[in-house]
C-alpha atoms as a PDB file:
ATOM      1  CA  LEU A   1      94.788 102.940 109.325  1.00  0.00           C
ATOM      2  CA  GLU A   2      93.182  99.690 108.198  1.00  0.00           C
ATOM      3  CA  VAL A   3      94.750  98.054 105.103  1.00  0.00           C
ATOM      4  CA  ASP A   4      93.963  94.882 103.128  1.00  0.00           C
ATOM      5  CA  PHE A   5      96.195  91.864 103.687  1.00  0.00           C
ATOM      6  CA  LEU A   6      97.477  91.902 100.117  1.00  0.00           C
ATOM      7  CA  ASP A   7      98.224  95.657 100.327  1.00  0.00           C
ATOM      8  CA  ALA A   8     100.221  95.039 103.509  1.00  0.00           C
ATOM      9  CA  ALA A   9     102.113  92.157 101.828  1.00  0.00           C
ATOM     10  CA  ARG A  10     102.919  94.023  98.595  1.00  0.00           C
ATOM     11  CA  GLY A  11     103.019  97.610  99.742  1.00  0.00           C
ATOM     12  CA  THR A  12     100.780 100.382  98.511  1.00  0.00           C
ATOM     13  CA  GLN A  13      99.879 104.093  98.665  1.00  0.00           C
ATOM     14  CA  LYS A  14      96.933 105.301 100.773  1.00  0.00           C
ATOM     15  CA  ARG A  15      95.307 108.691 101.022  1.00  0.00           C
ATOM     16  CA  VAL A  16      94.235 109.612 104.556  1.00  0.00           C
ATOM     17  CA  THR A  17      92.603 112.610 106.047  1.00  0.00           C
ATOM     18  CA  MET A  18      94.185 113.805 109.331  1.00  0.00           C
ATOM     19  CA  PRO A  19      92.069 115.032 112.309  1.00  0.00           C
ATOM     20  CA  ASP A  20      92.894 118.648 111.356  1.00  0.00           C
ATOM     21  CA  GLY A  21      91.454 118.049 107.815  1.00  0.00           C
ATOM     22  CA  LYS A  22      94.820 117.832 106.055  1.00  0.00           C
ATOM     23  CA  THR A  23      94.962 115.064 103.404  1.00  0.00           C
ATOM     24  CA  LEU A  24      98.170 113.027 103.057  1.00  0.00           C
ATOM     25  CA  ASN A  25      99.393 110.340 100.714  1.00  0.00           C
ATOM     26  CA  ILE A  26     101.032 107.623 102.858  1.00  0.00           C
ATOM     27  CA  THR A  27     103.400 104.966 101.501  1.00  0.00           C
ATOM     28  CA  ILE A  28     102.641 101.603 103.113  1.00  0.00           C
ATOM     29  CA  PRO A  29     105.876  99.561 102.805  1.00  0.00           C
ATOM     30  CA  ALA A  30     105.711  95.928 101.639  1.00  0.00           C
ATOM     31  CA  GLY A  31     105.626  93.471 104.482  1.00  0.00           C
ATOM     32  CA  ILE A  32     104.204  95.812 107.089  1.00  0.00           C
ATOM     33  CA  ARG A  33     102.801  94.046 110.156  1.00  0.00           C
ATOM     34  CA  GLU A  34      99.696  94.379 112.312  1.00  0.00           C
ATOM     35  CA  GLY A  35     100.219  97.069 114.943  1.00  0.00           C
ATOM     36  CA  GLN A  36     103.286  98.574 113.279  1.00  0.00           C
ATOM     37  CA  VAL A  37     103.444 102.350 113.516  1.00  0.00           C
ATOM     38  CA  LEU A  38     104.480 104.698 110.664  1.00  0.00           C
ATOM     39  CA  ARG A  39     106.021 108.041 111.624  1.00  0.00           C
ATOM     40  CA  LEU A  40     105.155 110.907 109.351  1.00  0.00           C
ATOM     41  CA  LYS A  41     107.782 113.495 110.116  1.00  0.00           C
ATOM     42  CA  GLY A  42     106.553 117.063 110.231  1.00  0.00           C
ATOM     43  CA  GLN A  43     102.946 116.111 109.486  1.00  0.00           C
ATOM     44  CA  GLY A  44     101.535 116.427 112.962  1.00  0.00           C
ATOM     45  CA  ALA A  45     100.050 119.342 114.917  1.00  0.00           C
ATOM     46  CA  ALA A  46     102.132 122.383 115.682  1.00  0.00           C
ATOM     47  CA  GLY A  47     103.915 122.413 119.039  1.00  0.00           C
ATOM     48  CA  SER A  48     104.196 125.327 121.473  1.00  0.00           C
ATOM     49  CA  ASP A  49     106.989 126.803 119.378  1.00  0.00           C
ATOM     50  CA  GLY A  50     104.866 126.736 116.193  1.00  0.00           C
ATOM     51  CA  THR A  51     106.823 124.002 114.391  1.00  0.00           C
ATOM     52  CA  ALA A  52     104.961 120.986 113.094  1.00  0.00           C
ATOM     53  CA  GLY A  53     105.370 117.814 115.033  1.00  0.00           C
ATOM     54  CA  ASP A  54     105.272 114.265 113.768  1.00  0.00           C
ATOM     55  CA  ALA A  55     102.146 112.255 113.101  1.00  0.00           C
ATOM     56  CA  TYR A  56     101.971 108.538 113.924  1.00  0.00           C
ATOM     57  CA  VAL A  57      99.736 106.108 112.094  1.00  0.00           C
ATOM     58  CA  GLU A  58      99.134 102.616 113.528  1.00  0.00           C
ATOM     59  CA  ILE A  59      98.456  99.932 110.910  1.00  0.00           C
ATOM     60  CA  SER A  60      95.700  97.362 111.234  1.00  0.00           C
ATOM     61  CA  VAL A  61      95.705  94.516 108.672  1.00  0.00           C
ATOM     62  CA  ARG A  62      92.403  93.021 107.599  1.00  0.00           C
ATOM     63  CA  PRO A  63      92.407  89.214 107.486  1.00  0.00           C
ATOM     64  CA  HIS A  64      92.424  87.439 104.118  1.00  0.00           C
ATOM     65  CA  PRO A  65      90.193  84.379 103.377  1.00  0.00           C
ATOM     66  CA  GLU A  66      93.048  82.324 101.879  1.00  0.00           C
ATOM     67  CA  PHE A  67      96.358  83.628 103.362  1.00  0.00           C
ATOM     68  CA  ARG A  68      97.699  84.044 106.885  1.00  0.00           C
ATOM     69  CA  ARG A  69     100.943  85.412 108.173  1.00  0.00           C
ATOM     70  CA  GLU A  70     103.286  83.658 110.560  1.00  0.00           C
ATOM     71  CA  GLY A  71     106.415  85.697 111.190  1.00  0.00           C
ATOM     72  CA  ASN A  72     107.896  86.573 107.820  1.00  0.00           C
ATOM     73  CA  ASP A  73     106.041  83.779 106.082  1.00  0.00           C
ATOM     74  CA  ILE A  74     102.708  83.885 104.239  1.00  0.00           C
ATOM     75  CA  LEU A  75     100.853  80.569 104.366  1.00  0.00           C
ATOM     76  CA  THR A  76      97.953  79.061 102.532  1.00  0.00           C
ATOM     77  CA  THR A  77      96.419  75.573 102.347  1.00  0.00           C
ATOM     78  CA  VAL A  78      96.239  73.740  99.069  1.00  0.00           C
ATOM     79  CA  PRO A  79      94.455  70.394  98.803  1.00  0.00           C
ATOM     80  CA  VAL A  80      96.574  67.679  97.113  1.00  0.00           C
ATOM     81  CA  SER A  81      95.207  64.185  96.539  1.00  0.00           C
ATOM     82  CA  LEU A  82      97.227  61.100  97.393  1.00  0.00           C
ATOM     83  CA  GLY A  83      97.577  60.295  93.685  1.00  0.00           C
ATOM     84  CA  GLU A  84      98.900  63.810  92.922  1.00  0.00           C
ATOM     85  CA  ALA A  85     101.388  63.597  95.759  1.00  0.00           C
ATOM     86  CA  LEU A  86     102.659  60.095  94.747  1.00  0.00           C
ATOM     87  CA  ASN A  87     102.933  60.883  91.111  1.00  0.00           C
ATOM     88  CA  GLY A  88     104.601  64.309  91.568  1.00  0.00           C
ATOM     89  CA  ALA A  89     101.817  66.288  89.892  1.00  0.00           C
ATOM     90  CA  SER A  90     101.967  70.013  89.210  1.00  0.00           C
ATOM     91  CA  VAL A  91      99.533  71.924  91.326  1.00  0.00           C
ATOM     92  CA  ARG A  92      98.362  75.503  90.864  1.00  0.00           C
ATOM     93  CA  VAL A  93      98.861  77.597  94.058  1.00  0.00           C
ATOM     94  CA  ASP A  94      97.669  81.138  94.660  1.00  0.00           C
ATOM     95  CA  THR A  95     100.298  83.505  95.997  1.00  0.00           C
ATOM     96  CA  VAL A  96     100.200  87.198  96.941  1.00  0.00           C
ATOM     97  CA  ASP A  97     101.658  87.927  93.493  1.00  0.00           C
ATOM     98  CA  GLY A  98      99.336  85.626  91.538  1.00  0.00           C
ATOM     99  CA  PRO A  99      99.015  81.957  90.836  1.00  0.00           C
ATOM    100  CA  VAL A 100     102.056  79.682  90.199  1.00  0.00           C
ATOM    101  CA  ASP A 101     102.419  76.020  89.333  1.00  0.00           C
ATOM    102  CA  VAL A 102     104.492  73.919  91.815  1.00  0.00           C
END
């Protein structure tokens, strides 16, 4: 399942259609990583004994134009002039939760 970078960072709900045609609402937890697998207990195909097995969904995170992830950190680049840095200016920085002044 492919999800947007910000959805992976914040968490979201996604509706997916399984190969058998069944539709499921999946909770994507905040902070999920590329390649992480979600186990959907009892949502898979029936086994030889007739009971439903588990379905597994591998997550793919689309890149974001401003943010990148390194471990548990989300990074962005903000241009700051020499004058701003020397004078301790306040700079607006975009975050996954919206802009903040730092």
